[in-house]
Amino acid sequence: MKKELASWYSSSLNKEMPIAAYGDYGFALLLVPTAAADYLEYERFQLIDHIAPFIDAGKVKVFSIDSINNESWLNNNMDPRQKSIRQQQWNDYVFNEVAPFIRNSTSQDTPIITCGASFGALHSMNLFLKRPDIINGVIAMSGVYDLSEYTKGYFDDDVYFNSPWHYMPNLNDHAILEQIRKSKHIHILTGSGDYEDPAASGKFAKVLYDKGIWYELDVWGQEWPHDWNTWRAMLPQYLGTRF
């Protein structure tokens, strides 16, 4: 498997941001880390190994980026307003820097599908729903879609507009809704085992349903906990059967 590392100084975040790319061809799968992890997390936990057959076959080219959760919502020593601002800066980084990098590394027509587990699922869903003109779909594993679960009681407009559970019921922009509805890849996956919250996935799926948005909700059984063995099974299955 071909692996390339790159980085650049992000004008959005004012720091050096690395990115890992795996493979040569196929649609672009943009991996967003869990919690406060980094761009190599999915490789360290062998998820890249588990999807290697699809990478080697040219079905998918994978890009993995850093989160900034440890500089925002997971930083207990940071002013909450600054956390909100940092979230918006990270969004800008993805939309204005990462997406063009992916398109320059593939083609201008290459679909970009975001993907993440746990906190990465919320970010992946949020990125897609905010900019369906740039992001073409999402695979969200074991997520909750209410950002206030992470904000320790803080709530402002930036929390609202980065919390799909809050803004989607009130989204009435026809053009954006129609772009979201065009996607055939809105996959909401969850286990039912230890530390999973399948109810959160079901409730958010109902929000999409009420907006006339096609999605796939897949709730796995009690033997699938909120952990890497679940995600190492889920993602290969979906790459093999849905793309």
C-alpha atoms as a PDB file:
ATOM      1  CA  MET A   1       0.000   0.000   0.000  1.00  0.00           C
ATOM      2  CA  LYS A   2       1.288   3.422  -0.947  1.00  0.00           C
ATOM      3  CA  LYS A   3       1.528   5.846   1.986  1.00  0.00           C
ATOM      4  CA  GLU A   4       2.423   9.517   1.770  1.00  0.00           C
ATOM      5  CA  LEU A   5       2.807  12.088   4.537  1.00  0.00           C
ATOM      6  CA  ALA A   6       2.429  15.799   3.971  1.00  0.00           C
ATOM      7  CA  SER A   7       1.948  18.926   6.051  1.00  0.00           C
ATOM      8  CA  TRP A   8       1.565  22.651   5.671  1.00  0.00           C
ATOM      9  CA  TYR A   9       1.161  25.697   7.849  1.00  0.00           C
ATOM     10  CA  SER A  10      -2.576  26.191   8.104  1.00  0.00           C
ATOM     11  CA  SER A  11      -3.699  29.775   7.695  1.00  0.00           C
ATOM     12  CA  SER A  12      -6.999  28.821   9.314  1.00  0.00           C
ATOM     13  CA  LEU A  13      -5.468  27.321  12.454  1.00  0.00           C
ATOM     14  CA  ASN A  14      -2.113  29.152  12.529  1.00  0.00           C
ATOM     15  CA  LYS A  15      -0.167  25.957  13.055  1.00  0.00           C
ATOM     16  CA  GLU A  16       1.457  23.162  11.084  1.00  0.00           C
ATOM     17  CA  MET A  17      -1.100  20.482  10.214  1.00  0.00           C
ATOM     18  CA  PRO A  18      -0.085  17.027   8.942  1.00  0.00           C
ATOM     19  CA  ILE A  19      -2.050  14.678   6.731  1.00  0.00           C
ATOM     20  CA  ALA A  20      -1.549  11.041   5.770  1.00  0.00           C
ATOM     21  CA  ALA A  21      -2.684   9.591   2.436  1.00  0.00           C
ATOM     22  CA  TYR A  22      -3.010   5.897   1.641  1.00  0.00           C
ATOM     23  CA  GLY A  23      -3.400   4.535  -1.874  1.00  0.00           C
ATOM     24  CA  ASP A  24      -3.525   5.925  -5.388  1.00  0.00           C
ATOM     25  CA  TYR A  25      -7.051   5.815  -6.797  1.00  0.00           C
ATOM     26  CA  GLY A  26     -10.730   5.706  -5.935  1.00  0.00           C
ATOM     27  CA  PHE A  27     -13.088   8.008  -4.129  1.00  0.00           C
ATOM     28  CA  ALA A  28     -11.588   9.990  -1.240  1.00  0.00           C
ATOM     29  CA  LEU A  29     -12.319   8.833   2.303  1.00  0.00           C
ATOM     30  CA  LEU A  30     -11.470  11.594   4.779  1.00  0.00           C
ATOM     31  CA  LEU A  31     -10.869  10.148   8.254  1.00  0.00           C
ATOM     32  CA  VAL A  32     -11.478  12.353  11.291  1.00  0.00           C
ATOM     33  CA  PRO A  33      -9.890  11.093  14.526  1.00  0.00           C
ATOM     34  CA  THR A  34     -11.701  10.134  17.710  1.00  0.00           C
ATOM     35  CA  ALA A  35     -11.490  12.383  20.782  1.00  0.00           C
ATOM     36  CA  ALA A  36      -8.096  14.154  21.001  1.00  0.00           C
ATOM     37  CA  ALA A  37      -6.212  11.783  18.729  1.00  0.00           C
ATOM     38  CA  ASP A  38      -4.013  12.547  15.739  1.00  0.00           C
ATOM     39  CA  TYR A  39      -3.828  11.842  12.040  1.00  0.00           C
ATOM     40  CA  LEU A  40      -2.118   8.461  12.492  1.00  0.00           C
ATOM     41  CA  GLU A  41      -4.658   7.082  14.966  1.00  0.00           C
ATOM     42  CA  TYR A  42      -6.520   4.957  12.423  1.00  0.00           C
ATOM     43  CA  GLU A  43      -3.241   3.417  11.321  1.00  0.00           C
ATOM     44  CA  ARG A  44      -2.092   2.711  14.907  1.00  0.00           C
ATOM     45  CA  PHE A  45      -5.322   0.904  15.703  1.00  0.00           C
ATOM     46  CA  GLN A  46      -5.087  -1.231  12.535  1.00  0.00           C
ATOM     47  CA  LEU A  47      -8.178   0.170  10.855  1.00  0.00           C
ATOM     48  CA  ILE A  48      -6.064   1.065   7.819  1.00  0.00           C
ATOM     49  CA  ASP A  49      -4.864  -2.547   7.687  1.00  0.00           C
ATOM     50  CA  HIS A  50      -8.459  -3.776   7.726  1.00  0.00           C
ATOM     51  CA  ILE A  51      -9.449  -1.622   4.759  1.00  0.00           C
ATOM     52  CA  ALA A  52      -6.181  -2.198   2.879  1.00  0.00           C
ATOM     53  CA  PRO A  53      -7.785  -4.534   0.283  1.00  0.00           C
ATOM     54  CA  PHE A  54     -10.026  -1.695  -0.880  1.00  0.00           C
ATOM     55  CA  ILE A  55      -7.108   0.750  -0.945  1.00  0.00           C
ATOM     56  CA  ASP A  56      -4.878  -1.664  -2.874  1.00  0.00           C
ATOM     57  CA  ALA A  57      -7.678  -2.394  -5.347  1.00  0.00           C
ATOM     58  CA  GLY A  58      -8.032   1.309  -6.183  1.00  0.00           C
ATOM     59  CA  LYS A  59     -11.541   1.549  -4.781  1.00  0.00           C
ATOM     60  CA  VAL A  60     -10.682   4.219  -2.233  1.00  0.00           C
ATOM     61  CA  LYS A  61      -7.887   6.630  -1.454  1.00  0.00           C
ATOM     62  CA  VAL A  62      -7.769   7.450   2.247  1.00  0.00           C
ATOM     63  CA  PHE A  63      -6.779  10.770   3.794  1.00  0.00           C
ATOM     64  CA  SER A  64      -6.384  11.129   7.562  1.00  0.00           C
ATOM     65  CA  ILE A  65      -6.105  14.456   9.395  1.00  0.00           C
ATOM     66  CA  ASP A  66      -5.553  15.781  12.908  1.00  0.00           C
ATOM     67  CA  SER A  67      -8.361  16.843  15.181  1.00  0.00           C
ATOM     68  CA  ILE A  68      -8.077  19.943  17.333  1.00  0.00           C
ATOM     69  CA  ASN A  69     -10.369  18.654  20.099  1.00  0.00           C
ATOM     70  CA  ASN A  70      -7.542  18.938  22.626  1.00  0.00           C
ATOM     71  CA  GLU A  71      -7.366  22.625  21.680  1.00  0.00           C
ATOM     72  CA  SER A  72     -11.099  23.092  22.036  1.00  0.00           C
ATOM     73  CA  TRP A  73     -13.843  20.975  23.591  1.00  0.00           C
ATOM     74  CA  LEU A  74     -11.569  18.566  25.467  1.00  0.00           C
ATOM     75  CA  ASN A  75      -9.305  21.263  26.924  1.00  0.00           C
ATOM     76  CA  ASN A  76     -10.511  21.950  30.467  1.00  0.00           C
ATOM     77  CA  ASN A  77      -8.188  24.941  30.844  1.00  0.00           C
ATOM     78  CA  MET A  78      -9.504  26.868  27.866  1.00  0.00           C
ATOM     79  CA  ASP A  79     -12.140  29.607  27.794  1.00  0.00           C
ATOM     80  CA  PRO A  80     -15.349  28.142  26.323  1.00  0.00           C
ATOM     81  CA  ARG A  81     -15.738  30.947  23.804  1.00  0.00           C
ATOM     82  CA  GLN A  82     -12.238  30.274  22.512  1.00  0.00           C
ATOM     83  CA  LYS A  83     -13.169  26.606  22.142  1.00  0.00           C
ATOM     84  CA  SER A  84     -16.066  27.619  19.888  1.00  0.00           C
ATOM     85  CA  ILE A  85     -13.801  29.825  17.821  1.00  0.00           C
ATOM     86  CA  ARG A  86     -11.259  27.028  17.456  1.00  0.00           C
ATOM     87  CA  GLN A  87     -13.982  24.688  16.205  1.00  0.00           C
ATOM     88  CA  GLN A  88     -14.905  27.155  13.468  1.00  0.00           C
ATOM     89  CA  GLN A  89     -11.255  27.552  12.507  1.00  0.00           C
ATOM     90  CA  TRP A  90     -10.907  23.784  12.157  1.00  0.00           C
ATOM     91  CA  ASN A  91     -13.968  23.674   9.901  1.00  0.00           C
ATOM     92  CA  ASP A  92     -12.372  26.355   7.729  1.00  0.00           C
ATOM     93  CA  TYR A  93      -9.180  24.304   7.612  1.00  0.00           C
ATOM     94  CA  VAL A  94     -11.072  21.280   6.288  1.00  0.00           C
ATOM     95  CA  PHE A  95     -13.200  23.166   3.780  1.00  0.00           C
ATOM     96  CA  ASN A  96     -10.604  25.638   2.508  1.00  0.00           C
ATOM     97  CA  GLU A  97      -7.368  23.658   2.811  1.00  0.00           C
ATOM     98  CA  VAL A  98      -7.925  19.912   3.149  1.00  0.00           C
ATOM     99  CA  ALA A  99     -10.625  19.569   0.501  1.00  0.00           C
ATOM    100  CA  PRO A 100      -8.541  21.397  -2.160  1.00  0.00           C
ATOM    101  CA  PHE A 101      -5.517  19.294  -1.189  1.00  0.00           C
ATOM    102  CA  ILE A 102      -7.564  16.123  -1.706  1.00  0.00           C
ATOM    103  CA  ARG A 103      -8.890  17.310  -5.062  1.00  0.00           C
ATOM    104  CA  ASN A 104      -5.400  18.288  -6.194  1.00  0.00           C
ATOM    105  CA  SER A 105      -4.172  14.839  -5.144  1.00  0.00           C
ATOM    106  CA  THR A 106      -6.967  13.070  -7.028  1.00  0.00           C
ATOM    107  CA  SER A 107      -9.199  15.043  -9.390  1.00  0.00           C
ATOM    108  CA  GLN A 108     -11.649  17.903  -9.206  1.00  0.00           C
ATOM    109  CA  ASP A 109     -14.505  15.418  -9.615  1.00  0.00           C
ATOM    110  CA  THR A 110     -13.420  12.928  -6.960  1.00  0.00           C
ATOM    111  CA  PRO A 111     -16.159  12.444  -4.335  1.00  0.00           C
ATOM    112  CA  ILE A 112     -15.109  13.118  -0.748  1.00  0.00           C
ATOM    113  CA  ILE A 113     -16.751  11.028   1.966  1.00  0.00           C
ATOM    114  CA  THR A 114     -16.047  11.962   5.578  1.00  0.00           C
ATOM    115  CA  CYS A 115     -15.719   9.199   8.146  1.00  0.00           C
ATOM    116  CA  GLY A 116     -15.088   9.037  11.861  1.00  0.00           C
ATOM    117  CA  ALA A 117     -15.823   7.121  15.035  1.00  0.00           C
ATOM    118  CA  SER A 118     -16.993   8.463  18.399  1.00  0.00           C
ATOM    119  CA  PHE A 119     -16.345  12.251  18.501  1.00  0.00           C
ATOM    120  CA  GLY A 120     -15.036  11.877  14.954  1.00  0.00           C
ATOM    121  CA  ALA A 121     -18.508  10.750  13.881  1.00  0.00           C
ATOM    122  CA  LEU A 122     -20.034  14.025  15.051  1.00  0.00           C
ATOM    123  CA  HIS A 123     -17.378  16.041  13.236  1.00  0.00           C
ATOM    124  CA  SER A 124     -17.741  13.949  10.080  1.00  0.00           C
ATOM    125  CA  MET A 125     -21.511  14.382  10.031  1.00  0.00           C
ATOM    126  CA  ASN A 126     -21.228  18.095  10.764  1.00  0.00           C
ATOM    127  CA  LEU A 127     -18.715  18.683   7.971  1.00  0.00           C
ATOM    128  CA  PHE A 128     -20.997  16.991   5.451  1.00  0.00           C
ATOM    129  CA  LEU A 129     -24.209  18.702   6.533  1.00  0.00           C
ATOM    130  CA  LYS A 130     -22.613  22.160   6.627  1.00  0.00           C
ATOM    131  CA  ARG A 131     -21.007  21.937   3.189  1.00  0.00           C
ATOM    132  CA  PRO A 132     -22.659  19.283   1.001  1.00  0.00           C
ATOM    133  CA  ASP A 133     -21.290  21.219  -1.970  1.00  0.00           C
ATOM    134  CA  ILE A 134     -17.778  20.163  -0.897  1.00  0.00           C
ATOM    135  CA  ILE A 135     -18.365  16.927   1.052  1.00  0.00           C
ATOM    136  CA  ASN A 136     -20.388  14.269  -0.755  1.00  0.00           C
ATOM    137  CA  GLY A 137     -21.365  11.889   2.033  1.00  0.00           C
ATOM    138  CA  VAL A 138     -20.531  10.487   5.451  1.00  0.00           C
ATOM    139  CA  ILE A 139     -19.898   7.247   7.311  1.00  0.00           C
ATOM    140  CA  ALA A 140     -20.485   8.020  11.000  1.00  0.00           C
ATOM    141  CA  MET A 141     -19.688   5.261  13.495  1.00  0.00           C
ATOM    142  CA  SER A 142     -20.752   5.239  17.151  1.00  0.00           C
ATOM    143  CA  GLY A 143     -21.506   8.925  17.331  1.00  0.00           C
ATOM    144  CA  VAL A 144     -23.711  11.326  19.193  1.00  0.00           C
ATOM    145  CA  TYR A 145     -24.764  14.329  17.146  1.00  0.00           C
ATOM    146  CA  ASP A 146     -25.360  16.815  19.970  1.00  0.00           C
ATOM    147  CA  LEU A 147     -22.203  18.892  20.463  1.00  0.00           C
ATOM    148  CA  SER A 148     -23.408  20.065  23.870  1.00  0.00           C
ATOM    149  CA  GLU A 149     -22.533  16.574  25.122  1.00  0.00           C
ATOM    150  CA  TYR A 150     -18.926  17.818  25.000  1.00  0.00           C
ATOM    151  CA  THR A 151     -19.230  21.499  25.969  1.00  0.00           C
ATOM    152  CA  LYS A 152     -19.776  21.168  29.755  1.00  0.00           C
ATOM    153  CA  GLY A 153     -22.868  23.344  29.704  1.00  0.00           C
ATOM    154  CA  TYR A 154     -21.510  26.085  27.446  1.00  0.00           C
ATOM    155  CA  PHE A 155     -23.734  27.072  24.515  1.00  0.00           C
ATOM    156  CA  ASP A 156     -23.400  29.844  21.943  1.00  0.00           C
ATOM    157  CA  ASP A 157     -24.169  30.304  18.263  1.00  0.00           C
ATOM    158  CA  ASP A 158     -21.036  28.441  17.212  1.00  0.00           C
ATOM    159  CA  VAL A 159     -21.993  25.475  19.384  1.00  0.00           C
ATOM    160  CA  TYR A 160     -25.474  25.559  17.859  1.00  0.00           C
ATOM    161  CA  PHE A 161     -24.209  25.720  14.285  1.00  0.00           C
ATOM    162  CA  ASN A 162     -21.773  22.842  14.856  1.00  0.00           C
ATOM    163  CA  SER A 163     -24.304  20.603  16.578  1.00  0.00           C
ATOM    164  CA  PRO A 164     -26.336  18.719  13.953  1.00  0.00           C
ATOM    165  CA  TRP A 165     -28.915  17.728  16.565  1.00  0.00           C
ATOM    166  CA  HIS A 166     -29.652  21.432  17.126  1.00  0.00           C
ATOM    167  CA  TYR A 167     -29.419  23.056  13.708  1.00  0.00           C
ATOM    168  CA  MET A 168     -30.804  20.376  11.404  1.00  0.00           C
ATOM    169  CA  PRO A 169     -34.429  20.570  12.629  1.00  0.00           C
ATOM    170  CA  ASN A 170     -34.364  24.319  11.838  1.00  0.00           C
ATOM    171  CA  LEU A 171     -32.516  24.121   8.527  1.00  0.00           C
ATOM    172  CA  ASN A 172     -34.901  25.412   5.868  1.00  0.00           C
ATOM    173  CA  ASP A 173     -32.483  26.506   3.143  1.00  0.00           C
ATOM    174  CA  HIS A 174     -33.895  24.624   0.164  1.00  0.00           C
ATOM    175  CA  ALA A 175     -30.657  24.684  -1.842  1.00  0.00           C
ATOM    176  CA  ILE A 176     -28.595  23.156   0.987  1.00  0.00           C
ATOM    177  CA  LEU A 177     -31.277  20.594   1.818  1.00  0.00           C
ATOM    178  CA  GLU A 178     -31.461  19.534  -1.823  1.00  0.00           C
ATOM    179  CA  GLN A 179     -27.674  19.077  -1.944  1.00  0.00           C
ATOM    180  CA  ILE A 180     -27.838  16.914   1.180  1.00  0.00           C
ATOM    181  CA  ARG A 181     -30.730  14.899  -0.263  1.00  0.00           C
ATOM    182  CA  LYS A 182     -28.709  14.116  -3.388  1.00  0.00           C
ATOM    183  CA  SER A 183     -26.185  12.088  -1.390  1.00  0.00           C
ATOM    184  CA  LYS A 184     -26.548   8.316  -1.474  1.00  0.00           C
ATOM    185  CA  HIS A 185     -23.997   7.925   1.292  1.00  0.00           C
ATOM    186  CA  ILE A 186     -25.324   8.996   4.670  1.00  0.00           C
ATOM    187  CA  HIS A 187     -24.489   5.998   6.832  1.00  0.00           C
ATOM    188  CA  ILE A 188     -25.148   6.108  10.570  1.00  0.00           C
ATOM    189  CA  LEU A 189     -23.670   3.046  12.293  1.00  0.00           C
ATOM    190  CA  THR A 190     -23.618   2.070  15.936  1.00  0.00           C
ATOM    191  CA  GLY A 191     -23.169  -0.923  18.158  1.00  0.00           C
ATOM    192  CA  SER A 192     -25.363  -1.675  21.163  1.00  0.00           C
ATOM    193  CA  GLY A 193     -22.666  -2.930  23.521  1.00  0.00           C
ATOM    194  CA  ASP A 194     -20.700  -1.274  26.306  1.00  0.00           C
ATOM    195  CA  TYR A 195     -20.481   2.525  26.121  1.00  0.00           C
ATOM    196  CA  GLU A 196     -22.470   2.718  22.897  1.00  0.00           C
ATOM    197  CA  ASP A 197     -25.520   4.990  22.583  1.00  0.00           C
ATOM    198  CA  PRO A 198     -27.702   3.575  19.813  1.00  0.00           C
ATOM    199  CA  ALA A 199     -30.570   5.809  20.908  1.00  0.00           C
ATOM    200  CA  ALA A 200     -28.531   8.874  19.933  1.00  0.00           C
ATOM    201  CA  SER A 201     -28.120   7.510  16.407  1.00  0.00           C
ATOM    202  CA  GLY A 202     -31.802   6.657  16.151  1.00  0.00           C
ATOM    203  CA  LYS A 203     -32.924  10.075  17.343  1.00  0.00           C
ATOM    204  CA  PHE A 204     -30.680  11.862  14.895  1.00  0.00           C
ATOM    205  CA  ALA A 205     -31.793   9.605  12.048  1.00  0.00           C
ATOM    206  CA  LYS A 206     -35.369  10.700  12.817  1.00  0.00           C
ATOM    207  CA  VAL A 207     -34.258  14.342  12.407  1.00  0.00           C
ATOM    208  CA  LEU A 208     -32.990  13.523   8.912  1.00  0.00           C
ATOM    209  CA  TYR A 209     -36.162  11.574   8.131  1.00  0.00           C
ATOM    210  CA  ASP A 210     -38.286  14.580   9.079  1.00  0.00           C
ATOM    211  CA  LYS A 211     -36.304  16.651   6.571  1.00  0.00           C
ATOM    212  CA  GLY A 212     -36.881  14.181   3.748  1.00  0.00           C
ATOM    213  CA  ILE A 213     -33.234  13.143   3.736  1.00  0.00           C
ATOM    214  CA  TRP A 214     -32.269   9.592   2.749  1.00  0.00           C
ATOM    215  CA  TYR A 215     -30.001   7.836   5.222  1.00  0.00           C
ATOM    216  CA  GLU A 216     -29.037   4.370   6.362  1.00  0.00           C
ATOM    217  CA  LEU A 217     -29.224   3.588  10.081  1.00  0.00           C
ATOM    218  CA  ASP A 218     -27.503   0.337  11.038  1.00  0.00           C
ATOM    219  CA  VAL A 219     -27.651  -0.730  14.687  1.00  0.00           C
ATOM    220  CA  TRP A 220     -25.374  -3.650  15.509  1.00  0.00           C
ATOM    221  CA  GLY A 221     -25.907  -5.949  18.479  1.00  0.00           C
ATOM    222  CA  GLN A 222     -24.850  -6.096  22.111  1.00  0.00           C
ATOM    223  CA  GLU A 223     -21.610  -7.831  21.207  1.00  0.00           C
ATOM    224  CA  TRP A 224     -20.353  -4.638  19.540  1.00  0.00           C
ATOM    225  CA  PRO A 225     -18.987  -2.115  22.092  1.00  0.00           C
ATOM    226  CA  HIS A 226     -17.747   1.438  21.672  1.00  0.00           C
ATOM    227  CA  ASP A 227     -14.279   0.303  20.686  1.00  0.00           C
ATOM    228  CA  TRP A 228     -11.904  -0.390  17.845  1.00  0.00           C
ATOM    229  CA  ASN A 229     -12.946  -3.979  17.195  1.00  0.00           C
ATOM    230  CA  THR A 230     -16.389  -2.629  16.259  1.00  0.00           C
ATOM    231  CA  TRP A 231     -15.071   0.042  13.910  1.00  0.00           C
ATOM    232  CA  ARG A 232     -12.551  -2.345  12.339  1.00  0.00           C
ATOM    233  CA  ALA A 233     -15.532  -4.526  11.401  1.00  0.00           C
ATOM    234  CA  MET A 234     -17.953  -1.789  10.373  1.00  0.00           C
ATOM    235  CA  LEU A 235     -15.843   0.206   7.944  1.00  0.00           C
ATOM    236  CA  PRO A 236     -14.621  -2.709   5.783  1.00  0.00           C
ATOM    237  CA  GLN A 237     -18.167  -4.033   5.564  1.00  0.00           C
ATOM    238  CA  TYR A 238     -19.476  -0.712   4.323  1.00  0.00           C
ATOM    239  CA  LEU A 239     -16.666  -0.124   1.872  1.00  0.00           C
ATOM    240  CA  GLY A 240     -17.283  -3.593   0.493  1.00  0.00           C
ATOM    241  CA  THR A 241     -21.065  -3.424   0.211  1.00  0.00           C
ATOM    242  CA  ARG A 242     -22.090   0.219  -0.216  1.00  0.00           C
ATOM    243  CA  PHE A 243     -19.437   1.692  -2.512  1.00  0.00           C
END
